[in-house]
């Protein structure tokens, strides 16, 4: 675990106190972790997330279905 001394403004302090109270956390470091995790899930570009890379690797391993013509593709889609 990394320790850091940070300077935050009053509004940020209030928000952290609200998050801390809402989730019943012991200290503000846990509140910061929750806020950062939420930011990561909602705002970071997907290619920066490790889950995205593992998903891409799974997709690359999948085998495609080959069709001789559009009729076979259409028949396959209608049966799904």
C-alpha atoms as a PDB file:
ATOM      1  CA  UNK A   1       0.000   0.000   0.000  1.00  0.00           C
ATOM      2  CA  UNK A   2       1.263   3.455  -0.888  1.00  0.00           C
ATOM      3  CA  UNK A   3       0.977   6.328   1.543  1.00  0.00           C
ATOM      4  CA  UNK A   4       0.651   9.916   0.358  1.00  0.00           C
ATOM      5  CA  UNK A   5       0.130  13.312   1.895  1.00  0.00           C
ATOM      6  CA  UNK A   6      -2.335  15.285  -0.238  1.00  0.00           C
ATOM      7  CA  UNK A   7      -3.817  18.756  -0.186  1.00  0.00           C
ATOM      8  CA  UNK A   8      -7.537  18.961  -0.984  1.00  0.00           C
ATOM      9  CA  UNK A   9      -9.966  21.856  -0.995  1.00  0.00           C
ATOM     10  CA  UNK A  10     -12.992  22.146   1.316  1.00  0.00           C
ATOM     11  CA  UNK A  11     -15.486  20.910  -1.274  1.00  0.00           C
ATOM     12  CA  UNK A  12     -13.440  17.779  -1.984  1.00  0.00           C
ATOM     13  CA  UNK A  13     -13.175  17.188   1.748  1.00  0.00           C
ATOM     14  CA  UNK A  14     -16.979  17.411   2.080  1.00  0.00           C
ATOM     15  CA  UNK A  15     -17.493  14.983  -0.792  1.00  0.00           C
ATOM     16  CA  UNK A  16     -15.057  12.510   0.742  1.00  0.00           C
ATOM     17  CA  UNK A  17     -16.864  12.804   4.084  1.00  0.00           C
ATOM     18  CA  UNK A  18     -20.179  12.074   2.333  1.00  0.00           C
ATOM     19  CA  UNK A  19     -18.728   9.014   0.569  1.00  0.00           C
ATOM     20  CA  UNK A  20     -17.172   7.881   3.846  1.00  0.00           C
ATOM     21  CA  UNK A  21     -20.505   8.192   5.681  1.00  0.00           C
ATOM     22  CA  UNK A  22     -22.574   6.664   2.871  1.00  0.00           C
ATOM     23  CA  UNK A  23     -20.460   3.505   2.740  1.00  0.00           C
ATOM     24  CA  UNK A  24     -19.665   3.377   6.473  1.00  0.00           C
ATOM     25  CA  UNK A  25     -15.932   3.622   5.928  1.00  0.00           C
ATOM     26  CA  UNK A  26     -13.323   4.053   8.643  1.00  0.00           C
ATOM     27  CA  UNK A  27     -11.232   6.716   6.944  1.00  0.00           C
ATOM     28  CA  UNK A  28     -10.981   8.948   3.918  1.00  0.00           C
ATOM     29  CA  UNK A  29      -8.413   6.748   2.186  1.00  0.00           C
ATOM     30  CA  UNK A  30     -11.150   4.155   1.661  1.00  0.00           C
ATOM     31  CA  UNK A  31     -13.413   6.901   0.320  1.00  0.00           C
ATOM     32  CA  UNK A  32     -10.694   7.976  -2.112  1.00  0.00           C
ATOM     33  CA  UNK A  33     -10.357   4.360  -3.288  1.00  0.00           C
ATOM     34  CA  UNK A  34     -14.097   4.169  -3.995  1.00  0.00           C
ATOM     35  CA  UNK A  35     -14.116   7.463  -5.894  1.00  0.00           C
ATOM     36  CA  UNK A  36     -11.079   6.467  -7.974  1.00  0.00           C
ATOM     37  CA  UNK A  37     -12.533   3.021  -8.757  1.00  0.00           C
ATOM     38  CA  UNK A  38     -15.771   4.642  -9.890  1.00  0.00           C
ATOM     39  CA  UNK A  39     -13.820   7.049 -12.090  1.00  0.00           C
ATOM     40  CA  UNK A  40     -11.858   4.177 -13.599  1.00  0.00           C
ATOM     41  CA  UNK A  41     -14.994   2.214 -14.463  1.00  0.00           C
ATOM     42  CA  UNK A  42     -16.877   5.125 -15.984  1.00  0.00           C
ATOM     43  CA  UNK A  43     -14.372   7.504 -17.512  1.00  0.00           C
ATOM     44  CA  UNK A  44     -11.095   5.845 -18.432  1.00  0.00           C
ATOM     45  CA  UNK A  45     -10.787   4.700 -21.997  1.00  0.00           C
ATOM     46  CA  UNK A  46     -11.486   0.975 -22.248  1.00  0.00           C
ATOM     47  CA  UNK A  47      -8.119   0.177 -23.824  1.00  0.00           C
ATOM     48  CA  UNK A  48      -6.467   1.327 -20.600  1.00  0.00           C
ATOM     49  CA  UNK A  49      -8.337  -1.198 -18.468  1.00  0.00           C
ATOM     50  CA  UNK A  50      -6.863  -4.689 -17.974  1.00  0.00           C
ATOM     51  CA  UNK A  51     -10.328  -6.261 -18.421  1.00  0.00           C
ATOM     52  CA  UNK A  52     -10.444  -4.834 -21.939  1.00  0.00           C
ATOM     53  CA  UNK A  53      -7.146  -6.470 -22.867  1.00  0.00           C
ATOM     54  CA  UNK A  54      -8.252  -9.864 -21.520  1.00  0.00           C
ATOM     55  CA  UNK A  55     -11.550  -9.521 -23.414  1.00  0.00           C
ATOM     56  CA  UNK A  56      -9.659  -8.807 -26.642  1.00  0.00           C
ATOM     57  CA  UNK A  57      -7.500 -11.889 -26.122  1.00  0.00           C
ATOM     58  CA  UNK A  58     -10.639 -14.046 -25.645  1.00  0.00           C
ATOM     59  CA  UNK A  59     -12.155 -12.624 -28.827  1.00  0.00           C
ATOM     60  CA  UNK A  60      -8.979 -13.341 -30.817  1.00  0.00           C
ATOM     61  CA  UNK A  61      -9.114 -16.999 -29.748  1.00  0.00           C
ATOM     62  CA  UNK A  62     -12.695 -17.452 -30.975  1.00  0.00           C
ATOM     63  CA  UNK A  63     -13.247 -19.203 -34.283  1.00  0.00           C
ATOM     64  CA  UNK A  64     -15.514 -17.604 -36.847  1.00  0.00           C
ATOM     65  CA  UNK A  65     -18.233 -19.276 -38.889  1.00  0.00           C
ATOM     66  CA  UNK A  66     -17.532 -19.475 -42.621  1.00  0.00           C
ATOM     67  CA  UNK A  67     -20.352 -19.024 -45.123  1.00  0.00           C
ATOM     68  CA  UNK A  68     -20.220 -19.812 -48.831  1.00  0.00           C
ATOM     69  CA  UNK A  69     -22.691 -17.085 -49.727  1.00  0.00           C
ATOM     70  CA  UNK A  70     -25.131 -14.559 -48.295  1.00  0.00           C
ATOM     71  CA  UNK A  71     -27.958 -17.091 -48.404  1.00  0.00           C
ATOM     72  CA  UNK A  72     -26.199 -19.305 -45.853  1.00  0.00           C
ATOM     73  CA  UNK A  73     -25.540 -16.293 -43.637  1.00  0.00           C
ATOM     74  CA  UNK A  74     -29.176 -15.217 -43.849  1.00  0.00           C
ATOM     75  CA  UNK A  75     -30.360 -18.739 -43.001  1.00  0.00           C
ATOM     76  CA  UNK A  76     -27.982 -18.840 -40.014  1.00  0.00           C
ATOM     77  CA  UNK A  77     -29.189 -15.469 -38.724  1.00  0.00           C
ATOM     78  CA  UNK A  78     -32.872 -16.448 -39.066  1.00  0.00           C
ATOM     79  CA  UNK A  79     -32.277 -19.636 -37.040  1.00  0.00           C
ATOM     80  CA  UNK A  80     -30.760 -17.749 -34.097  1.00  0.00           C
END
